[in-house]
Amino acid sequence: MPADNAPVAGNLDDDDYPAYTMGRAADVLGITPAFLRAIGEAELITPLRSEGGHRRYSRRQLRIAARARELVDQGTPIEAACRIISLEDQLDDALRLNREMRRRLGEHGADT
């Protein structure tokens, strides 16, 4: 195999590798392709496209779609579910940054 092509097996642990077709993703999650298209249109997830233009989804995207499905099943409108998930992600990022800054300040305080 040429050096510029990563072996396919190397992608098995990659959460961002677009391994799932739309039909397979829908089957795995127990949802319809229309639901995947809807959360794509709401810009919650952006599937990659194959050379033929077909949507491909990663495991990370499947987890996000599953969370959206969970909220919709609880009665949340799809647009609101997408917004909630986006805000949850922003909160997670902010908390992670806060922890990192506190760690750095703690290290800096220990040096003085």
PDB file of N, CA and C in Angstrom:
ATOM      1  N   MET A   1       0.848  -1.182   0.000  1.00  0.00           N
ATOM      2  CA  MET A   1       0.000   0.000   0.000  1.00  0.00           C
ATOM      3  C   MET A   1       0.893   1.245   0.000  1.00  0.00           C
ATOM      4  N   PRO A   2       0.604   2.255  -0.834  1.00  0.00           N
ATOM      5  CA  PRO A   2       1.431   3.458  -0.882  1.00  0.00           C
ATOM      6  C   PRO A   2       1.447   4.170   0.464  1.00  0.00           C
ATOM      7  N   ALA A   3       2.553   4.833   0.741  1.00  0.00           N
ATOM      8  CA  ALA A   3       2.725   5.512   2.028  1.00  0.00           C
ATOM      9  C   ALA A   3       1.717   6.626   2.238  1.00  0.00           C
ATOM     10  N   ASP A   4       1.226   7.254   1.161  1.00  0.00           N
ATOM     11  CA  ASP A   4       0.297   8.375   1.335  1.00  0.00           C
ATOM     12  C   ASP A   4      -1.128   7.928   1.618  1.00  0.00           C
ATOM     13  N   ASN A   5      -1.403   6.636   1.525  1.00  0.00           N
ATOM     14  CA  ASN A   5      -2.731   6.116   1.848  1.00  0.00           C
ATOM     15  C   ASN A   5      -2.674   5.405   3.188  1.00  0.00           C
ATOM     16  N   ALA A   6      -3.385   5.927   4.175  1.00  0.00           N
ATOM     17  CA  ALA A   6      -3.432   5.283   5.488  1.00  0.00           C
ATOM     18  C   ALA A   6      -4.199   3.979   5.363  1.00  0.00           C
ATOM     19  N   PRO A   7      -3.757   2.933   6.048  1.00  0.00           N
ATOM     20  CA  PRO A   7      -4.513   1.680   5.998  1.00  0.00           C
ATOM     21  C   PRO A   7      -5.906   1.865   6.575  1.00  0.00           C
ATOM     22  N   VAL A   8      -6.878   1.217   5.973  1.00  0.00           N
ATOM     23  CA  VAL A   8      -8.267   1.336   6.415  1.00  0.00           C
ATOM     24  C   VAL A   8      -8.402   0.909   7.870  1.00  0.00           C
ATOM     25  N   ALA A   9      -7.704  -0.140   8.272  1.00  0.00           N
ATOM     26  CA  ALA A   9      -7.794  -0.620   9.653  1.00  0.00           C
ATOM     27  C   ALA A   9      -7.384   0.451  10.644  1.00  0.00           C
ATOM     28  N   GLY A  10      -6.533   1.371  10.237  1.00  0.00           N
ATOM     29  CA  GLY A  10      -6.115   2.466  11.107  1.00  0.00           C
ATOM     30  C   GLY A  10      -7.238   3.422  11.443  1.00  0.00           C
ATOM     31  N   ASN A  11      -8.310   3.387  10.659  1.00  0.00           N
ATOM     32  CA  ASN A  11      -9.440   4.288  10.887  1.00  0.00           C
ATOM     33  C   ASN A  11     -10.483   3.699  11.837  1.00  0.00           C
ATOM     34  N   LEU A  12     -10.317   2.459  12.242  1.00  0.00           N
ATOM     35  CA  LEU A  12     -11.341   1.804  13.063  1.00  0.00           C
ATOM     36  C   LEU A  12     -11.537   2.478  14.414  1.00  0.00           C
ATOM     37  N   ASP A  13     -10.513   3.065  14.960  1.00  0.00           N
ATOM     38  CA  ASP A  13     -10.616   3.731  16.257  1.00  0.00           C
ATOM     39  C   ASP A  13     -10.858   5.226  16.138  1.00  0.00           C
ATOM     40  N   ASP A  14     -10.984   5.730  14.943  1.00  0.00           N
ATOM     41  CA  ASP A  14     -11.145   7.161  14.709  1.00  0.00           C
ATOM     42  C   ASP A  14     -12.625   7.537  14.771  1.00  0.00           C
ATOM     43  N   ASP A  15     -13.016   8.268  15.822  1.00  0.00           N
ATOM     44  CA  ASP A  15     -14.419   8.677  15.991  1.00  0.00           C
ATOM     45  C   ASP A  15     -14.909   9.606  14.884  1.00  0.00           C
ATOM     46  N   ASP A  16     -13.982  10.228  14.169  1.00  0.00           N
ATOM     47  CA  ASP A  16     -14.361  11.183  13.129  1.00  0.00           C
ATOM     48  C   ASP A  16     -14.307  10.603  11.718  1.00  0.00           C
ATOM     49  N   TYR A  17     -13.934   9.335  11.609  1.00  0.00           N
ATOM     50  CA  TYR A  17     -13.868   8.710  10.289  1.00  0.00           C
ATOM     51  C   TYR A  17     -15.289   8.461   9.774  1.00  0.00           C
ATOM     52  N   PRO A  18     -15.616   8.952   8.580  1.00  0.00           N
ATOM     53  CA  PRO A  18     -16.981   8.816   8.046  1.00  0.00           C
ATOM     54  C   PRO A  18     -17.246   7.423   7.484  1.00  0.00           C
ATOM     55  N   ALA A  19     -17.473   6.473   8.351  1.00  0.00           N
ATOM     56  CA  ALA A  19     -17.592   5.067   7.964  1.00  0.00           C
ATOM     57  C   ALA A  19     -19.015   4.628   7.639  1.00  0.00           C
ATOM     58  N   TYR A  20     -20.017   5.400   8.024  1.00  0.00           N
ATOM     59  CA  TYR A  20     -21.404   4.953   7.910  1.00  0.00           C
ATOM     60  C   TYR A  20     -22.140   5.671   6.783  1.00  0.00           C
ATOM     61  N   THR A  21     -22.775   4.893   5.928  1.00  0.00           N
ATOM     62  CA  THR A  21     -23.658   5.479   4.928  1.00  0.00           C
ATOM     63  C   THR A  21     -24.902   5.994   5.639  1.00  0.00           C
ATOM     64  N   MET A  22     -25.686   6.780   4.953  1.00  0.00           N
ATOM     65  CA  MET A  22     -26.913   7.285   5.560  1.00  0.00           C
ATOM     66  C   MET A  22     -27.835   6.140   5.972  1.00  0.00           C
ATOM     67  N   GLY A  23     -27.996   5.163   5.106  1.00  0.00           N
ATOM     68  CA  GLY A  23     -28.880   4.041   5.418  1.00  0.00           C
ATOM     69  C   GLY A  23     -28.390   3.240   6.610  1.00  0.00           C
ATOM     70  N   ARG A  24     -27.091   2.981   6.662  1.00  0.00           N
ATOM     71  CA  ARG A  24     -26.523   2.217   7.779  1.00  0.00           C
ATOM     72  C   ARG A  24     -26.634   3.015   9.075  1.00  0.00           C
ATOM     73  N   ALA A  25     -26.334   4.325   9.024  1.00  0.00           N
ATOM     74  CA  ALA A  25     -26.440   5.181  10.206  1.00  0.00           C
ATOM     75  C   ALA A  25     -27.871   5.181  10.733  1.00  0.00           C
ATOM     76  N   ALA A  26     -28.831   5.310   9.828  1.00  0.00           N
ATOM     77  CA  ALA A  26     -30.243   5.304  10.234  1.00  0.00           C
ATOM     78  C   ALA A  26     -30.612   3.970  10.876  1.00  0.00           C
ATOM     79  N   ASP A  27     -30.150   2.866  10.288  1.00  0.00           N
ATOM     80  CA  ASP A  27     -30.433   1.538  10.847  1.00  0.00           C
ATOM     81  C   ASP A  27     -29.830   1.374  12.237  1.00  0.00           C
ATOM     82  N   VAL A  28     -28.578   1.783  12.390  1.00  0.00           N
ATOM     83  CA  VAL A  28     -27.885   1.643  13.675  1.00  0.00           C
ATOM     84  C   VAL A  28     -28.616   2.411  14.772  1.00  0.00           C
ATOM     85  N   LEU A  29     -29.118   3.591  14.432  1.00  0.00           N
ATOM     86  CA  LEU A  29     -29.761   4.452  15.423  1.00  0.00           C
ATOM     87  C   LEU A  29     -31.269   4.222  15.549  1.00  0.00           C
ATOM     88  N   GLY A  30     -31.840   3.481  14.625  1.00  0.00           N
ATOM     89  CA  GLY A  30     -33.286   3.272  14.658  1.00  0.00           C
ATOM     90  C   GLY A  30     -34.055   4.530  14.299  1.00  0.00           C
ATOM     91  N   ILE A  31     -33.503   5.289  13.375  1.00  0.00           N
ATOM     92  CA  ILE A  31     -34.144   6.528  12.916  1.00  0.00           C
ATOM     93  C   ILE A  31     -34.315   6.454  11.406  1.00  0.00           C
ATOM     94  N   THR A  32     -34.925   7.478  10.852  1.00  0.00           N
ATOM     95  CA  THR A  32     -35.103   7.526   9.402  1.00  0.00           C
ATOM     96  C   THR A  32     -34.010   8.381   8.770  1.00  0.00           C
ATOM     97  N   PRO A  33     -33.717   8.128   7.503  1.00  0.00           N
ATOM     98  CA  PRO A  33     -32.791   9.018   6.797  1.00  0.00           C
ATOM     99  C   PRO A  33     -33.274  10.471   6.813  1.00  0.00           C
ATOM    100  N   ALA A  34     -34.588  10.660   6.816  1.00  0.00           N
ATOM    101  CA  ALA A  34     -35.142  12.018   6.859  1.00  0.00           C
ATOM    102  C   ALA A  34     -34.718  12.742   8.137  1.00  0.00           C
ATOM    103  N   PHE A  35     -34.654  11.994   9.249  1.00  0.00           N
ATOM    104  CA  PHE A  35     -34.213  12.604  10.510  1.00  0.00           C
ATOM    105  C   PHE A  35     -32.764  13.049  10.390  1.00  0.00           C
ATOM    106  N   LEU A  36     -31.919  12.211   9.795  1.00  0.00           N
ATOM    107  CA  LEU A  36     -30.514  12.594   9.587  1.00  0.00           C
ATOM    108  C   LEU A  36     -30.407  13.823   8.683  1.00  0.00           C
ATOM    109  N   ARG A  37     -31.216  13.861   7.637  1.00  0.00           N
ATOM    110  CA  ARG A  37     -31.207  15.042   6.759  1.00  0.00           C
ATOM    111  C   ARG A  37     -31.652  16.283   7.525  1.00  0.00           C
ATOM    112  N   ALA A  38     -32.666  16.134   8.378  1.00  0.00           N
ATOM    113  CA  ALA A  38     -33.197  17.281   9.129  1.00  0.00           C
ATOM    114  C   ALA A  38     -32.153  17.854  10.086  1.00  0.00           C
ATOM    115  N   ILE A  39     -31.432  16.990  10.796  1.00  0.00           N
ATOM    116  CA  ILE A  39     -30.424  17.533  11.716  1.00  0.00           C
ATOM    117  C   ILE A  39     -29.210  18.047  10.947  1.00  0.00           C
ATOM    118  N   GLY A  40     -29.026  17.556   9.741  1.00  0.00           N
ATOM    119  CA  GLY A  40     -27.997  18.121   8.871  1.00  0.00           C
ATOM    120  C   GLY A  40     -28.392  19.509   8.387  1.00  0.00           C
ATOM    121  N   GLU A  41     -29.650  19.665   8.002  1.00  0.00           N
ATOM    122  CA  GLU A  41     -30.156  20.972   7.565  1.00  0.00           C
ATOM    123  C   GLU A  41     -30.128  21.978   8.709  1.00  0.00           C
ATOM    124  N   ALA A  42     -30.318  21.500   9.940  1.00  0.00           N
ATOM    125  CA  ALA A  42     -30.252  22.374  11.117  1.00  0.00           C
ATOM    126  C   ALA A  42     -28.800  22.651  11.513  1.00  0.00           C
ATOM    127  N   GLU A  43     -27.866  22.078  10.761  1.00  0.00           N
ATOM    128  CA  GLU A  43     -26.430  22.263  10.965  1.00  0.00           C
ATOM    129  C   GLU A  43     -25.932  21.721  12.301  1.00  0.00           C
ATOM    130  N   LEU A  44     -26.629  20.716  12.827  1.00  0.00           N
ATOM    131  CA  LEU A  44     -26.152  20.057  14.034  1.00  0.00           C
ATOM    132  C   LEU A  44     -24.974  19.152  13.693  1.00  0.00           C
ATOM    133  N   ILE A  45     -25.103  18.450  12.589  1.00  0.00           N
ATOM    134  CA  ILE A  45     -24.002  17.643  12.075  1.00  0.00           C
ATOM    135  C   ILE A  45     -23.850  17.948  10.592  1.00  0.00           C
ATOM    136  N   THR A  46     -22.641  17.795  10.097  1.00  0.00           N
ATOM    137  CA  THR A  46     -22.380  17.987   8.685  1.00  0.00           C
ATOM    138  C   THR A  46     -21.694  16.726   8.170  1.00  0.00           C
ATOM    139  N   PRO A  47     -22.456  15.857   7.521  1.00  0.00           N
ATOM    140  CA  PRO A  47     -21.845  14.625   7.030  1.00  0.00           C
ATOM    141  C   PRO A  47     -20.834  14.936   5.929  1.00  0.00           C
ATOM    142  N   LEU A  48     -19.826  14.104   5.857  1.00  0.00           N
ATOM    143  CA  LEU A  48     -18.906  14.211   4.738  1.00  0.00           C
ATOM    144  C   LEU A  48     -19.579  13.602   3.526  1.00  0.00           C
ATOM    145  N   ARG A  49     -19.056  13.888   2.383  1.00  0.00           N
ATOM    146  CA  ARG A  49     -19.630  13.342   1.152  1.00  0.00           C
ATOM    147  C   ARG A  49     -18.618  12.409   0.492  1.00  0.00           C
ATOM    148  N   SER A  50     -19.119  11.288   0.004  1.00  0.00           N
ATOM    149  CA  SER A  50     -18.266  10.361  -0.742  1.00  0.00           C
ATOM    150  C   SER A  50     -17.974  10.981  -2.105  1.00  0.00           C
ATOM    151  N   GLU A  51     -17.090  10.358  -2.850  1.00  0.00           N
ATOM    152  CA  GLU A  51     -16.789  10.863  -4.193  1.00  0.00           C
ATOM    153  C   GLU A  51     -18.037  10.908  -5.051  1.00  0.00           C
ATOM    154  N   GLY A  52     -18.979  10.006  -4.780  1.00  0.00           N
ATOM    155  CA  GLY A  52     -20.237   9.978  -5.522  1.00  0.00           C
ATOM    156  C   GLY A  52     -21.282  10.935  -4.979  1.00  0.00           C
ATOM    157  N   GLY A  53     -20.951  11.683  -3.914  1.00  0.00           N
ATOM    158  CA  GLY A  53     -21.872  12.663  -3.351  1.00  0.00           C
ATOM    159  C   GLY A  53     -22.774  12.127  -2.255  1.00  0.00           C
ATOM    160  N   HIS A  54     -22.575  10.875  -1.844  1.00  0.00           N
ATOM    161  CA  HIS A  54     -23.409  10.287  -0.793  1.00  0.00           C
ATOM    162  C   HIS A  54     -22.925  10.721   0.587  1.00  0.00           C
ATOM    163  N   ARG A  55     -23.886  10.914   1.494  1.00  0.00           N
ATOM    164  CA  ARG A  55     -23.550  11.317   2.856  1.00  0.00           C
ATOM    165  C   ARG A  55     -22.868  10.167   3.597  1.00  0.00           C
ATOM    166  N   ARG A  56     -21.849  10.513   4.384  1.00  0.00           N
ATOM    167  CA  ARG A  56     -21.143   9.555   5.229  1.00  0.00           C
ATOM    168  C   ARG A  56     -21.043  10.144   6.632  1.00  0.00           C
ATOM    169  N   TYR A  57     -21.293   9.299   7.629  1.00  0.00           N
ATOM    170  CA  TYR A  57     -21.346   9.746   9.016  1.00  0.00           C
ATOM    171  C   TYR A  57     -20.276   9.060   9.859  1.00  0.00           C
ATOM    172  N   SER A  58     -19.773   9.783  10.830  1.00  0.00           N
ATOM    173  CA  SER A  58     -18.790   9.246  11.764  1.00  0.00           C
ATOM    174  C   SER A  58     -19.499   8.768  13.033  1.00  0.00           C
ATOM    175  N   ARG A  59     -18.763   8.039  13.863  1.00  0.00           N
ATOM    176  CA  ARG A  59     -19.335   7.603  15.141  1.00  0.00           C
ATOM    177  C   ARG A  59     -19.678   8.804  16.015  1.00  0.00           C
ATOM    178  N   ARG A  60     -18.853   9.836  15.993  1.00  0.00           N
ATOM    179  CA  ARG A  60     -19.145  11.049  16.771  1.00  0.00           C
ATOM    180  C   ARG A  60     -20.478  11.648  16.312  1.00  0.00           C
ATOM    181  N   GLN A  61     -20.689  11.705  15.012  1.00  0.00           N
ATOM    182  CA  GLN A  61     -21.941  12.239  14.484  1.00  0.00           C
ATOM    183  C   GLN A  61     -23.124  11.346  14.854  1.00  0.00           C
ATOM    184  N   LEU A  62     -22.899  10.042  14.902  1.00  0.00           N
ATOM    185  CA  LEU A  62     -23.982   9.138  15.302  1.00  0.00           C
ATOM    186  C   LEU A  62     -24.369   9.369  16.757  1.00  0.00           C
ATOM    187  N   ARG A  63     -23.383   9.634  17.611  1.00  0.00           N
ATOM    188  CA  ARG A  63     -23.708   9.928  19.026  1.00  0.00           C
ATOM    189  C   ARG A  63     -24.519  11.217  19.131  1.00  0.00           C
ATOM    190  N   ILE A  64     -24.172  12.205  18.350  1.00  0.00           N
ATOM    191  CA  ILE A  64     -24.919  13.469  18.355  1.00  0.00           C
ATOM    192  C   ILE A  64     -26.340  13.237  17.846  1.00  0.00           C
ATOM    193  N   ALA A  65     -26.477  12.472  16.782  1.00  0.00           N
ATOM    194  CA  ALA A  65     -27.804  12.170  16.233  1.00  0.00           C
ATOM    195  C   ALA A  65     -28.640  11.389  17.250  1.00  0.00           C
ATOM    196  N   ALA A  66     -28.008  10.474  17.977  1.00  0.00           N
ATOM    197  CA  ALA A  66     -28.726   9.711  19.002  1.00  0.00           C
ATOM    198  C   ALA A  66     -29.223  10.630  20.108  1.00  0.00           C
ATOM    199  N   ARG A  67     -28.406  11.606  20.492  1.00  0.00           N
ATOM    200  CA  ARG A  67     -28.822  12.580  21.518  1.00  0.00           C
ATOM    201  C   ARG A  67     -30.005  13.401  21.006  1.00  0.00           C
ATOM    202  N   ALA A  68     -29.956  13.814  19.749  1.00  0.00           N
ATOM    203  CA  ALA A  68     -31.066  14.567  19.159  1.00  0.00           C
ATOM    204  C   ALA A  68     -32.336  13.721  19.158  1.00  0.00           C
ATOM    205  N   ARG A  69     -32.196  12.467  18.803  1.00  0.00           N
ATOM    206  CA  ARG A  69     -33.353  11.566  18.785  1.00  0.00           C
ATOM    207  C   ARG A  69     -33.951  11.437  20.185  1.00  0.00           C
ATOM    208  N   GLU A  70     -33.083  11.322  21.179  1.00  0.00           N
ATOM    209  CA  GLU A  70     -33.537  11.214  22.569  1.00  0.00           C
ATOM    210  C   GLU A  70     -34.373  12.436  22.956  1.00  0.00           C
ATOM    211  N   LEU A  71     -33.899  13.618  22.618  1.00  0.00           N
ATOM    212  CA  LEU A  71     -34.638  14.843  22.956  1.00  0.00           C
ATOM    213  C   LEU A  71     -35.959  14.934  22.194  1.00  0.00           C
ATOM    214  N   VAL A  72     -35.924  14.575  20.916  1.00  0.00           N
ATOM    215  CA  VAL A  72     -37.152  14.614  20.106  1.00  0.00           C
ATOM    216  C   VAL A  72     -38.167  13.601  20.637  1.00  0.00           C
ATOM    217  N   ASP A  73     -37.686  12.435  21.040  1.00  0.00           N
ATOM    218  CA  ASP A  73     -38.591  11.430  21.607  1.00  0.00           C
ATOM    219  C   ASP A  73     -39.237  11.910  22.903  1.00  0.00           C
ATOM    220  N   GLN A  74     -38.573  12.848  23.597  1.00  0.00           N
ATOM    221  CA  GLN A  74     -39.125  13.405  24.827  1.00  0.00           C
ATOM    222  C   GLN A  74     -40.070  14.570  24.553  1.00  0.00           C
ATOM    223  N   GLY A  75     -40.285  14.870  23.267  1.00  0.00           N
ATOM    224  CA  GLY A  75     -41.237  15.912  22.905  1.00  0.00           C
ATOM    225  C   GLY A  75     -40.617  17.243  22.517  1.00  0.00           C
ATOM    226  N   THR A  76     -39.306  17.321  22.455  1.00  0.00           N
ATOM    227  CA  THR A  76     -38.634  18.556  22.073  1.00  0.00           C
ATOM    228  C   THR A  76     -38.662  18.710  20.553  1.00  0.00           C
ATOM    229  N   PRO A  77     -39.076  19.859  20.040  1.00  0.00           N
ATOM    230  CA  PRO A  77     -39.029  20.067  18.587  1.00  0.00           C
ATOM    231  C   PRO A  77     -37.589  19.918  18.083  1.00  0.00           C
ATOM    232  N   ILE A  78     -37.446  19.442  16.865  1.00  0.00           N
ATOM    233  CA  ILE A  78     -36.119  19.127  16.353  1.00  0.00           C
ATOM    234  C   ILE A  78     -35.192  20.339  16.347  1.00  0.00           C
ATOM    235  N   GLU A  79     -35.721  21.519  16.010  1.00  0.00           N
ATOM    236  CA  GLU A  79     -34.885  22.722  15.991  1.00  0.00           C
ATOM    237  C   GLU A  79     -34.380  23.043  17.396  1.00  0.00           C
ATOM    238  N   ALA A  80     -35.248  22.897  18.384  1.00  0.00           N
ATOM    239  CA  ALA A  80     -34.864  23.142  19.774  1.00  0.00           C
ATOM    240  C   ALA A  80     -33.872  22.091  20.252  1.00  0.00           C
ATOM    241  N   ALA A  81     -34.079  20.837  19.849  1.00  0.00           N
ATOM    242  CA  ALA A  81     -33.147  19.770  20.233  1.00  0.00           C
ATOM    243  C   ALA A  81     -31.757  20.060  19.691  1.00  0.00           C
ATOM    244  N   CYS A  82     -31.685  20.519  18.461  1.00  0.00           N
ATOM    245  CA  CYS A  82     -30.388  20.847  17.863  1.00  0.00           C
ATOM    246  C   CYS A  82     -29.731  22.001  18.611  1.00  0.00           C
ATOM    247  N   ARG A  83     -30.514  22.980  18.989  1.00  0.00           N
ATOM    248  CA  ARG A  83     -29.968  24.125  19.744  1.00  0.00           C
ATOM    249  C   ARG A  83     -29.489  23.680  21.126  1.00  0.00           C
ATOM    250  N   ILE A  84     -30.247  22.844  21.782  1.00  0.00           N
ATOM    251  CA  ILE A  84     -29.862  22.335  23.110  1.00  0.00           C
ATOM    252  C   ILE A  84     -28.528  21.605  23.021  1.00  0.00           C
ATOM    253  N   ILE A  85     -28.384  20.738  22.027  1.00  0.00           N
ATOM    254  CA  ILE A  85     -27.141  19.979  21.874  1.00  0.00           C
ATOM    255  C   ILE A  85     -25.977  20.906  21.573  1.00  0.00           C
ATOM    256  N   SER A  86     -26.204  21.901  20.750  1.00  0.00           N
ATOM    257  CA  SER A  86     -25.157  22.876  20.447  1.00  0.00           C
ATOM    258  C   SER A  86     -24.730  23.616  21.715  1.00  0.00           C
ATOM    259  N   LEU A  87     -25.696  24.012  22.524  1.00  0.00           N
ATOM    260  CA  LEU A  87     -25.378  24.704  23.781  1.00  0.00           C
ATOM    261  C   LEU A  87     -24.683  23.779  24.775  1.00  0.00           C
ATOM    262  N   GLU A  88     -25.085  22.504  24.805  1.00  0.00           N
ATOM    263  CA  GLU A  88     -24.408  21.539  25.677  1.00  0.00           C
ATOM    264  C   GLU A  88     -22.938  21.406  25.274  1.00  0.00           C
ATOM    265  N   ASP A  89     -22.682  21.354  23.971  1.00  0.00           N
ATOM    266  CA  ASP A  89     -21.303  21.261  23.483  1.00  0.00           C
ATOM    267  C   ASP A  89     -20.499  22.499  23.855  1.00  0.00           C
ATOM    268  N   GLN A  90     -21.122  23.673  23.714  1.00  0.00           N
ATOM    269  CA  GLN A  90     -20.438  24.918  24.083  1.00  0.00           C
ATOM    270  C   GLN A  90     -20.126  24.939  25.572  1.00  0.00           C
ATOM    271  N   LEU A  91     -21.061  24.479  26.397  1.00  0.00           N
ATOM    272  CA  LEU A  91     -20.840  24.429  27.835  1.00  0.00           C
ATOM    273  C   LEU A  91     -19.697  23.474  28.166  1.00  0.00           C
ATOM    274  N   ASP A  92     -19.687  22.297  27.538  1.00  0.00           N
ATOM    275  CA  ASP A  92     -18.595  21.337  27.754  1.00  0.00           C
ATOM    276  C   ASP A  92     -17.247  21.958  27.401  1.00  0.00           C
ATOM    277  N   ASP A  93     -17.200  22.670  26.269  1.00  0.00           N
ATOM    278  CA  ASP A  93     -15.956  23.326  25.855  1.00  0.00           C
ATOM    279  C   ASP A  93     -15.529  24.386  26.869  1.00  0.00           C
ATOM    280  N   ALA A  94     -16.481  25.179  27.348  1.00  0.00           N
ATOM    281  CA  ALA A  94     -16.173  26.224  28.321  1.00  0.00           C
ATOM    282  C   ALA A  94     -15.684  25.628  29.641  1.00  0.00           C
ATOM    283  N   LEU A  95     -16.326  24.558  30.090  1.00  0.00           N
ATOM    284  CA  LEU A  95     -15.898  23.906  31.331  1.00  0.00           C
ATOM    285  C   LEU A  95     -14.506  23.304  31.186  1.00  0.00           C
ATOM    286  N   ARG A  96     -14.223  22.713  30.036  1.00  0.00           N
ATOM    287  CA  ARG A  96     -12.906  22.145  29.776  1.00  0.00           C
ATOM    288  C   ARG A  96     -11.842  23.250  29.787  1.00  0.00           C
ATOM    289  N   LEU A  97     -12.140  24.366  29.147  1.00  0.00           N
ATOM    290  CA  LEU A  97     -11.219  25.505  29.124  1.00  0.00           C
ATOM    291  C   LEU A  97     -11.025  26.061  30.527  1.00  0.00           C
ATOM    292  N   ASN A  98     -12.091  26.151  31.293  1.00  0.00           N
ATOM    293  CA  ASN A  98     -12.008  26.646  32.664  1.00  0.00           C
ATOM    294  C   ASN A  98     -11.102  25.748  33.506  1.00  0.00           C
ATOM    295  N   ARG A  99     -11.277  24.442  33.380  1.00  0.00           N
ATOM    296  CA  ARG A  99     -10.416  23.501  34.125  1.00  0.00           C
ATOM    297  C   ARG A  99      -8.957  23.674  33.724  1.00  0.00           C
ATOM    298  N   GLU A 100      -8.714  23.817  32.438  1.00  0.00           N
ATOM    299  CA  GLU A 100      -7.341  23.988  31.953  1.00  0.00           C
ATOM    300  C   GLU A 100      -6.738  25.286  32.485  1.00  0.00           C
ATOM    301  N   MET A 101      -7.512  26.355  32.468  1.00  0.00           N
ATOM    302  CA  MET A 101      -6.998  27.645  32.970  1.00  0.00           C
ATOM    303  C   MET A 101      -6.736  27.564  34.479  1.00  0.00           C
ATOM    304  N   ARG A 102      -7.608  26.919  35.220  1.00  0.00           N
ATOM    305  CA  ARG A 102      -7.387  26.747  36.667  1.00  0.00           C
ATOM    306  C   ARG A 102      -6.129  25.924  36.931  1.00  0.00           C
ATOM    307  N   ARG A 103      -5.919  24.898  36.119  1.00  0.00           N
ATOM    308  CA  ARG A 103      -4.721  24.076  36.261  1.00  0.00           C
ATOM    309  C   ARG A 103      -3.477  24.914  35.999  1.00  0.00           C
ATOM    310  N   ARG A 104      -3.520  25.702  34.946  1.00  0.00           N
ATOM    311  CA  ARG A 104      -2.366  26.552  34.616  1.00  0.00           C
ATOM    312  C   ARG A 104      -2.110  27.604  35.696  1.00  0.00           C
ATOM    313  N   LEU A 105      -3.191  28.183  36.214  1.00  0.00           N
ATOM    314  CA  LEU A 105      -3.030  29.172  37.289  1.00  0.00           C
ATOM    315  C   LEU A 105      -2.473  28.516  38.531  1.00  0.00           C
ATOM    316  N   GLY A 106      -2.906  27.309  38.821  1.00  0.00           N
ATOM    317  CA  GLY A 106      -2.389  26.564  39.974  1.00  0.00           C
ATOM    318  C   GLY A 106      -0.911  26.277  39.826  1.00  0.00           C
ATOM    319  N   GLU A 107      -0.492  25.902  38.604  1.00  0.00           N
ATOM    320  CA  GLU A 107       0.933  25.660  38.351  1.00  0.00           C
ATOM    321  C   GLU A 107       1.715  26.955  38.474  1.00  0.00           C
ATOM    322  N   HIS A 108       1.156  28.026  37.952  1.00  0.00           N
ATOM    323  CA  HIS A 108       1.830  29.316  38.012  1.00  0.00           C
ATOM    324  C   HIS A 108       1.959  29.807  39.452  1.00  0.00           C
ATOM    325  N   GLY A 109       0.896  29.601  40.233  1.00  0.00           N
ATOM    326  CA  GLY A 109       0.918  29.991  41.643  1.00  0.00           C
ATOM    327  C   GLY A 109       1.938  29.202  42.441  1.00  0.00           C
ATOM    328  N   ALA A 110       2.132  27.958  42.074  1.00  0.00           N
ATOM    329  CA  ALA A 110       3.106  27.102  42.765  1.00  0.00           C
ATOM    330  C   ALA A 110       4.537  27.523  42.460  1.00  0.00           C
ATOM    331  N   ASP A 111       4.744  28.178  41.313  1.00  0.00           N
ATOM    332  CA  ASP A 111       6.081  28.609  40.911  1.00  0.00           C
ATOM    333  C   ASP A 111       6.512  29.886  41.636  1.00  0.00           C
ATOM    334  N   THR A 112       5.570  30.664  42.135  1.00  0.00           N
ATOM    335  CA  THR A 112       5.934  31.948  42.740  1.00  0.00           C
ATOM    336  C   THR A 112       6.188  31.838  44.227  1.00  0.00           C
TER     337      THR A 112
END
